[in-house]
Amino acid sequence: MINPTKASYSVAPTMMVCAVAGLLTAQLFTGRSSHRLALLALVGFLIGLSVNFRLPNLFLAAGYCLYLAGAFLLARSKETFLQGVSFGVAFLIGIAPTLIANAINAGSPFSTTYGGVDVAPPELNSGVLLSYLVDVQFTLLAISAAWTAWLWRFDQGRARQVAVLVAINLAVNLIFFMTHPIFTPYYIIPIDMLSLWTLLFATLDLRGERAADSAAFPQPANA
């Protein structure tokens, strides 16, 4: 069996984080929890924690950061500000081991020991693009994109918020990895799985909520 999850020691724990983060992300928008700030902080911490497994997991947070920044710019409210701060602070706490390691090994928290092709400038390489197109990663990416479009098209309100968040995250990660000068069989597996888990849990929550509403007994009318 050729399984991309086994292609690197860093991918398996990343998959676990993506599953939990996907569940919590869906609950942020489709659940009825009053602890939104706590959920955002937990998601931020988990994604920050995943960066300690592999540095490119940093881009898993891109969609959340852009979404929360956009929400604040549109609403300009204390609530949206606190949501962004909650996610950002928790993310920094999660990523702290990597920042400390960078400071020790590279002289700065924001420098890495990566070298060679890993720090080459972005470029469009036909060989890299073709490798992705014929790989299972692209199949998962296509499913994620189609599912996101379906959620946007056939659901309203909170479901569309999930679709926007997933779409932004997919776009940012796609731009980065498709312009990275090398290909591996697991580079976009984390964003694929984070997107799929989020979409799955969001869809199940919405369907379950509708089923419960339709099955509820009608309340007697007041005289």
C-alpha atoms as a PDB file:
ATOM      1  CA  MET A   1       0.000   0.000   0.000  1.00  0.00           C
ATOM      2  CA  ILE A   2       1.305   3.412  -0.985  1.00  0.00           C
ATOM      3  CA  ASN A   3       0.117   5.754   1.730  1.00  0.00           C
ATOM      4  CA  PRO A   4       1.294   9.403   1.742  1.00  0.00           C
ATOM      5  CA  THR A   5       0.834   9.469   5.513  1.00  0.00           C
ATOM      6  CA  LYS A   6       3.770   7.069   5.817  1.00  0.00           C
ATOM      7  CA  ALA A   7       6.011   9.137   3.534  1.00  0.00           C
ATOM      8  CA  SER A   8       7.309  11.244   6.437  1.00  0.00           C
ATOM      9  CA  TYR A   9       7.414  10.854  10.196  1.00  0.00           C
ATOM     10  CA  SER A  10       5.819  14.316  10.491  1.00  0.00           C
ATOM     11  CA  VAL A  11       2.634  13.542   8.577  1.00  0.00           C
ATOM     12  CA  ALA A  12       0.976  11.018  10.924  1.00  0.00           C
ATOM     13  CA  PRO A  13       0.771  13.357  13.967  1.00  0.00           C
ATOM     14  CA  THR A  14      -0.232  16.157  11.619  1.00  0.00           C
ATOM     15  CA  MET A  15      -3.183  14.049  10.466  1.00  0.00           C
ATOM     16  CA  MET A  16      -4.348  13.655  14.057  1.00  0.00           C
ATOM     17  CA  VAL A  17      -4.196  17.402  14.625  1.00  0.00           C
ATOM     18  CA  CYS A  18      -6.059  18.070  11.359  1.00  0.00           C
ATOM     19  CA  ALA A  19      -8.912  15.759  12.368  1.00  0.00           C
ATOM     20  CA  VAL A  20      -9.406  17.429  15.759  1.00  0.00           C
ATOM     21  CA  ALA A  21      -8.949  20.935  14.334  1.00  0.00           C
ATOM     22  CA  GLY A  22     -11.495  20.136  11.610  1.00  0.00           C
ATOM     23  CA  LEU A  23     -14.050  19.051  14.218  1.00  0.00           C
ATOM     24  CA  LEU A  24     -13.514  22.166  16.326  1.00  0.00           C
ATOM     25  CA  THR A  25     -13.612  24.452  13.283  1.00  0.00           C
ATOM     26  CA  ALA A  26     -16.959  23.014  12.238  1.00  0.00           C
ATOM     27  CA  GLN A  27     -18.289  23.528  15.759  1.00  0.00           C
ATOM     28  CA  LEU A  28     -17.254  27.176  15.606  1.00  0.00           C
ATOM     29  CA  PHE A  29     -19.741  27.842  12.829  1.00  0.00           C
ATOM     30  CA  THR A  30     -22.386  25.124  13.054  1.00  0.00           C
ATOM     31  CA  GLY A  31     -22.435  24.355  16.754  1.00  0.00           C
ATOM     32  CA  ARG A  32     -24.402  26.213  19.368  1.00  0.00           C
ATOM     33  CA  SER A  33     -21.519  26.559  21.774  1.00  0.00           C
ATOM     34  CA  SER A  34     -21.252  29.783  23.739  1.00  0.00           C
ATOM     35  CA  HIS A  35     -17.513  29.262  24.160  1.00  0.00           C
ATOM     36  CA  ARG A  36     -16.457  30.585  20.749  1.00  0.00           C
ATOM     37  CA  LEU A  37     -13.281  32.250  22.037  1.00  0.00           C
ATOM     38  CA  ALA A  38     -12.190  29.046  23.766  1.00  0.00           C
ATOM     39  CA  LEU A  39     -12.796  27.020  20.591  1.00  0.00           C
ATOM     40  CA  LEU A  40     -10.809  29.496  18.509  1.00  0.00           C
ATOM     41  CA  ALA A  41      -7.969  29.394  21.010  1.00  0.00           C
ATOM     42  CA  LEU A  42      -7.937  25.606  20.943  1.00  0.00           C
ATOM     43  CA  VAL A  43      -7.883  25.520  17.138  1.00  0.00           C
ATOM     44  CA  GLY A  44      -5.066  28.069  17.105  1.00  0.00           C
ATOM     45  CA  PHE A  45      -3.081  26.070  19.638  1.00  0.00           C
ATOM     46  CA  LEU A  46      -3.514  22.807  17.713  1.00  0.00           C
ATOM     47  CA  ILE A  47      -2.415  24.317  14.414  1.00  0.00           C
ATOM     48  CA  GLY A  48       0.522  25.985  16.147  1.00  0.00           C
ATOM     49  CA  LEU A  49       1.393  22.628  17.683  1.00  0.00           C
ATOM     50  CA  SER A  50       1.392  21.036  14.213  1.00  0.00           C
ATOM     51  CA  VAL A  51       4.110  23.468  13.102  1.00  0.00           C
ATOM     52  CA  ASN A  52       6.412  21.699  15.543  1.00  0.00           C
ATOM     53  CA  PHE A  53       5.900  18.509  13.517  1.00  0.00           C
ATOM     54  CA  ARG A  54       6.725  20.147  10.167  1.00  0.00           C
ATOM     55  CA  LEU A  55       7.404  23.805   9.505  1.00  0.00           C
ATOM     56  CA  PRO A  56       5.200  24.145   6.358  1.00  0.00           C
ATOM     57  CA  ASN A  57       2.181  23.437   8.577  1.00  0.00           C
ATOM     58  CA  LEU A  58       2.496  27.140   9.323  1.00  0.00           C
ATOM     59  CA  PHE A  59       0.376  27.709   6.210  1.00  0.00           C
ATOM     60  CA  LEU A  60      -2.524  25.788   7.739  1.00  0.00           C
ATOM     61  CA  ALA A  61      -3.143  28.909   9.831  1.00  0.00           C
ATOM     62  CA  ALA A  62      -3.199  31.257   6.841  1.00  0.00           C
ATOM     63  CA  GLY A  63      -6.887  30.834   6.068  1.00  0.00           C
ATOM     64  CA  TYR A  64      -7.883  31.361   9.697  1.00  0.00           C
ATOM     65  CA  CYS A  65      -5.755  34.507  10.001  1.00  0.00           C
ATOM     66  CA  LEU A  66      -7.123  36.029   6.792  1.00  0.00           C
ATOM     67  CA  TYR A  67     -10.703  35.087   7.652  1.00  0.00           C
ATOM     68  CA  LEU A  68     -10.495  36.552  11.170  1.00  0.00           C
ATOM     69  CA  ALA A  69      -8.764  39.683   9.867  1.00  0.00           C
ATOM     70  CA  GLY A  70     -11.498  40.130   7.271  1.00  0.00           C
ATOM     71  CA  ALA A  71     -14.227  39.592   9.862  1.00  0.00           C
ATOM     72  CA  PHE A  72     -12.700  42.296  12.057  1.00  0.00           C
ATOM     73  CA  LEU A  73     -12.329  44.774   9.191  1.00  0.00           C
ATOM     74  CA  LEU A  74     -15.959  44.245   8.204  1.00  0.00           C
ATOM     75  CA  ALA A  75     -17.474  44.324  11.698  1.00  0.00           C
ATOM     76  CA  ARG A  76     -14.985  46.500  13.619  1.00  0.00           C
ATOM     77  CA  SER A  77     -16.350  45.036  16.839  1.00  0.00           C
ATOM     78  CA  LYS A  78     -14.811  44.021  20.141  1.00  0.00           C
ATOM     79  CA  GLU A  79     -16.016  40.453  19.585  1.00  0.00           C
ATOM     80  CA  THR A  80     -14.212  39.981  16.257  1.00  0.00           C
ATOM     81  CA  PHE A  81     -11.091  41.626  17.688  1.00  0.00           C
ATOM     82  CA  LEU A  82     -11.030  39.247  20.642  1.00  0.00           C
ATOM     83  CA  GLN A  83     -11.575  36.293  18.313  1.00  0.00           C
ATOM     84  CA  GLY A  84      -8.487  37.213  16.313  1.00  0.00           C
ATOM     85  CA  VAL A  85      -6.424  37.805  19.441  1.00  0.00           C
ATOM     86  CA  SER A  86      -7.581  34.516  20.959  1.00  0.00           C
ATOM     87  CA  PHE A  87      -6.547  32.552  17.887  1.00  0.00           C
ATOM     88  CA  GLY A  88      -3.260  34.427  17.449  1.00  0.00           C
ATOM     89  CA  VAL A  89      -2.063  34.147  21.042  1.00  0.00           C
ATOM     90  CA  ALA A  90      -2.920  30.441  21.219  1.00  0.00           C
ATOM     91  CA  PHE A  91      -1.162  29.851  17.897  1.00  0.00           C
ATOM     92  CA  LEU A  92       2.006  31.523  19.201  1.00  0.00           C
ATOM     93  CA  ILE A  93       1.864  29.390  22.359  1.00  0.00           C
ATOM     94  CA  GLY A  94       1.557  26.257  20.226  1.00  0.00           C
ATOM     95  CA  ILE A  95       4.461  27.243  17.992  1.00  0.00           C
ATOM     96  CA  ALA A  96       6.705  28.257  20.916  1.00  0.00           C
ATOM     97  CA  PRO A  97       8.915  25.110  20.814  1.00  0.00           C
ATOM     98  CA  THR A  98       9.794  25.827  17.166  1.00  0.00           C
ATOM     99  CA  LEU A  99      10.565  29.483  17.907  1.00  0.00           C
ATOM    100  CA  ILE A 100      12.820  28.476  20.784  1.00  0.00           C
ATOM    101  CA  ALA A 101      14.580  25.852  18.661  1.00  0.00           C
ATOM    102  CA  ASN A 102      15.135  28.387  15.880  1.00  0.00           C
ATOM    103  CA  ALA A 103      16.604  30.877  18.346  1.00  0.00           C
ATOM    104  CA  ILE A 104      19.035  28.237  19.590  1.00  0.00           C
ATOM    105  CA  ASN A 105      19.985  26.645  16.282  1.00  0.00           C
ATOM    106  CA  ALA A 106      19.661  29.536  13.829  1.00  0.00           C
ATOM    107  CA  GLY A 107      20.244  32.584  16.021  1.00  0.00           C
ATOM    108  CA  SER A 108      16.723  34.012  15.679  1.00  0.00           C
ATOM    109  CA  PRO A 109      13.196  32.734  16.385  1.00  0.00           C
ATOM    110  CA  PHE A 110      12.256  33.679  12.828  1.00  0.00           C
ATOM    111  CA  SER A 111      15.228  32.008  11.100  1.00  0.00           C
ATOM    112  CA  THR A 112      15.393  28.325  10.239  1.00  0.00           C
ATOM    113  CA  THR A 113      18.055  25.776   9.497  1.00  0.00           C
ATOM    114  CA  TYR A 114      16.455  25.000   6.146  1.00  0.00           C
ATOM    115  CA  GLY A 115      18.698  25.502   3.153  1.00  0.00           C
ATOM    116  CA  GLY A 116      19.154  24.677  -0.513  1.00  0.00           C
ATOM    117  CA  VAL A 117      16.041  24.168  -2.601  1.00  0.00           C
ATOM    118  CA  ASP A 118      13.747  24.600   0.416  1.00  0.00           C
ATOM    119  CA  VAL A 119      14.540  28.319   0.541  1.00  0.00           C
ATOM    120  CA  ALA A 120      14.543  28.881  -3.219  1.00  0.00           C
ATOM    121  CA  PRO A 121      12.215  31.670  -4.461  1.00  0.00           C
ATOM    122  CA  PRO A 122       8.757  30.657  -5.718  1.00  0.00           C
ATOM    123  CA  GLU A 123       8.461  29.626  -9.351  1.00  0.00           C
ATOM    124  CA  LEU A 124       6.019  27.841 -11.619  1.00  0.00           C
ATOM    125  CA  ASN A 125       7.599  24.559 -12.658  1.00  0.00           C
ATOM    126  CA  SER A 126       5.744  22.436 -15.197  1.00  0.00           C
ATOM    127  CA  GLY A 127       7.341  19.257 -13.828  1.00  0.00           C
ATOM    128  CA  VAL A 128       6.147  19.991 -10.293  1.00  0.00           C
ATOM    129  CA  LEU A 129       2.638  20.879 -11.486  1.00  0.00           C
ATOM    130  CA  LEU A 130       2.395  17.692 -13.537  1.00  0.00           C
ATOM    131  CA  SER A 131       3.560  15.621 -10.567  1.00  0.00           C
ATOM    132  CA  TYR A 132       0.731  17.025  -8.457  1.00  0.00           C
ATOM    133  CA  LEU A 133      -1.857  16.548 -11.196  1.00  0.00           C
ATOM    134  CA  VAL A 134      -1.226  12.797 -11.391  1.00  0.00           C
ATOM    135  CA  ASP A 135      -0.874  12.312  -7.626  1.00  0.00           C
ATOM    136  CA  VAL A 136      -3.491  11.304  -5.056  1.00  0.00           C
ATOM    137  CA  GLN A 137      -2.949  14.659  -3.356  1.00  0.00           C
ATOM    138  CA  PHE A 138      -4.592  16.429  -6.281  1.00  0.00           C
ATOM    139  CA  THR A 139      -7.570  14.064  -6.135  1.00  0.00           C
ATOM    140  CA  LEU A 140      -8.114  14.969  -2.490  1.00  0.00           C
ATOM    141  CA  LEU A 141      -7.664  18.645  -3.356  1.00  0.00           C
ATOM    142  CA  ALA A 142     -10.272  18.432  -6.126  1.00  0.00           C
ATOM    143  CA  ILE A 143     -12.743  16.743  -3.758  1.00  0.00           C
ATOM    144  CA  SER A 144     -12.143  19.490  -1.179  1.00  0.00           C
ATOM    145  CA  ALA A 145     -12.693  22.242  -3.751  1.00  0.00           C
ATOM    146  CA  ALA A 146     -15.880  20.638  -5.117  1.00  0.00           C
ATOM    147  CA  TRP A 147     -17.257  20.031  -1.621  1.00  0.00           C
ATOM    148  CA  THR A 148     -16.508  23.645  -0.645  1.00  0.00           C
ATOM    149  CA  ALA A 149     -18.364  24.908  -3.723  1.00  0.00           C
ATOM    150  CA  TRP A 150     -21.313  22.600  -2.934  1.00  0.00           C
ATOM    151  CA  LEU A 151     -21.499  23.850   0.648  1.00  0.00           C
ATOM    152  CA  TRP A 152     -21.491  27.435  -0.589  1.00  0.00           C
ATOM    153  CA  ARG A 153     -24.112  26.754  -3.260  1.00  0.00           C
ATOM    154  CA  PHE A 154     -26.635  24.656  -1.351  1.00  0.00           C
ATOM    155  CA  ASP A 155     -26.359  25.949   2.205  1.00  0.00           C
ATOM    156  CA  GLN A 156     -26.801  29.352   3.723  1.00  0.00           C
ATOM    157  CA  GLY A 157     -25.531  31.397   6.645  1.00  0.00           C
ATOM    158  CA  ARG A 158     -23.090  29.559   8.850  1.00  0.00           C
ATOM    159  CA  ALA A 159     -22.347  26.926   6.206  1.00  0.00           C
ATOM    160  CA  ARG A 160     -21.165  29.621   3.838  1.00  0.00           C
ATOM    161  CA  GLN A 161     -18.808  30.919   6.508  1.00  0.00           C
ATOM    162  CA  VAL A 162     -17.218  27.469   6.710  1.00  0.00           C
ATOM    163  CA  ALA A 163     -16.952  27.393   2.906  1.00  0.00           C
ATOM    164  CA  VAL A 164     -15.244  30.800   2.838  1.00  0.00           C
ATOM    165  CA  LEU A 165     -12.721  29.800   5.504  1.00  0.00           C
ATOM    166  CA  VAL A 166     -11.873  26.505   3.791  1.00  0.00           C
ATOM    167  CA  ALA A 167     -11.639  28.170   0.373  1.00  0.00           C
ATOM    168  CA  ILE A 168      -9.197  30.809   1.626  1.00  0.00           C
ATOM    169  CA  ASN A 169      -7.052  28.193   3.341  1.00  0.00           C
ATOM    170  CA  LEU A 170      -7.015  25.984   0.245  1.00  0.00           C
ATOM    171  CA  ALA A 171      -6.092  28.906  -2.002  1.00  0.00           C
ATOM    172  CA  VAL A 172      -3.175  30.106   0.135  1.00  0.00           C
ATOM    173  CA  ASN A 173      -1.719  26.624   0.539  1.00  0.00           C
ATOM    174  CA  LEU A 174      -2.234  25.813  -3.129  1.00  0.00           C
ATOM    175  CA  ILE A 175      -0.387  28.957  -4.220  1.00  0.00           C
ATOM    176  CA  PHE A 176       2.534  28.213  -1.911  1.00  0.00           C
ATOM    177  CA  PHE A 177       3.039  24.542  -2.695  1.00  0.00           C
ATOM    178  CA  MET A 178       2.369  24.782  -6.418  1.00  0.00           C
ATOM    179  CA  THR A 179       5.087  27.426  -6.682  1.00  0.00           C
ATOM    180  CA  HIS A 180       7.526  25.500  -4.476  1.00  0.00           C
ATOM    181  CA  PRO A 181      10.333  24.162  -6.671  1.00  0.00           C
ATOM    182  CA  ILE A 182      10.136  20.558  -5.436  1.00  0.00           C
ATOM    183  CA  PHE A 183       7.412  17.920  -5.198  1.00  0.00           C
ATOM    184  CA  THR A 184       6.817  15.303  -2.507  1.00  0.00           C
ATOM    185  CA  PRO A 185       3.930  12.816  -2.141  1.00  0.00           C
ATOM    186  CA  TYR A 186       2.759  14.447   1.107  1.00  0.00           C
ATOM    187  CA  TYR A 187       3.227  18.228   0.852  1.00  0.00           C
ATOM    188  CA  ILE A 188      -0.458  19.146   0.450  1.00  0.00           C
ATOM    189  CA  ILE A 189      -1.872  16.196   2.380  1.00  0.00           C
ATOM    190  CA  PRO A 190      -2.243  18.295   5.590  1.00  0.00           C
ATOM    191  CA  ILE A 191      -4.349  21.034   3.959  1.00  0.00           C
ATOM    192  CA  ASP A 192      -6.324  18.386   2.066  1.00  0.00           C
ATOM    193  CA  MET A 193      -7.187  16.556   5.267  1.00  0.00           C
ATOM    194  CA  LEU A 194      -7.842  19.659   7.365  1.00  0.00           C
ATOM    195  CA  SER A 195     -10.264  20.838   4.669  1.00  0.00           C
ATOM    196  CA  LEU A 196     -11.979  17.467   4.287  1.00  0.00           C
ATOM    197  CA  TRP A 197     -12.423  16.937   8.020  1.00  0.00           C
ATOM    198  CA  THR A 198     -13.819  20.467   8.426  1.00  0.00           C
ATOM    199  CA  LEU A 199     -16.229  20.013   5.526  1.00  0.00           C
ATOM    200  CA  LEU A 200     -17.329  16.581   6.744  1.00  0.00           C
ATOM    201  CA  PHE A 201     -18.072  17.669  10.297  1.00  0.00           C
ATOM    202  CA  ALA A 202     -19.774  20.869   9.105  1.00  0.00           C
ATOM    203  CA  THR A 203     -21.996  18.923   6.701  1.00  0.00           C
ATOM    204  CA  LEU A 204     -22.910  16.323   9.330  1.00  0.00           C
ATOM    205  CA  ASP A 205     -23.690  18.998  11.931  1.00  0.00           C
ATOM    206  CA  LEU A 206     -25.897  20.927   9.531  1.00  0.00           C
ATOM    207  CA  ARG A 207     -27.753  17.831   8.372  1.00  0.00           C
ATOM    208  CA  GLY A 208     -28.219  16.629  11.935  1.00  0.00           C
ATOM    209  CA  GLU A 209     -29.519  20.033  12.980  1.00  0.00           C
ATOM    210  CA  ARG A 210     -32.043  20.073  10.131  1.00  0.00           C
ATOM    211  CA  ALA A 211     -33.156  16.529  10.850  1.00  0.00           C
ATOM    212  CA  ALA A 212     -33.710  17.378  14.506  1.00  0.00           C
ATOM    213  CA  ASP A 213     -35.720  20.466  13.579  1.00  0.00           C
ATOM    214  CA  SER A 214     -37.911  18.565  11.142  1.00  0.00           C
ATOM    215  CA  ALA A 215     -38.520  15.729  13.604  1.00  0.00           C
ATOM    216  CA  ALA A 216     -39.431  17.998  16.495  1.00  0.00           C
ATOM    217  CA  PHE A 217     -43.010  17.784  17.706  1.00  0.00           C
ATOM    218  CA  PRO A 218     -45.046  20.919  17.033  1.00  0.00           C
ATOM    219  CA  GLN A 219     -45.743  23.005  20.091  1.00  0.00           C
ATOM    220  CA  PRO A 220     -49.409  23.473  21.021  1.00  0.00           C
ATOM    221  CA  ALA A 221     -50.775  26.880  20.164  1.00  0.00           C
ATOM    222  CA  ASN A 222     -51.595  29.185  23.024  1.00  0.00           C
ATOM    223  CA  ALA A 223     -55.224  30.083  23.443  1.00  0.00           C
END
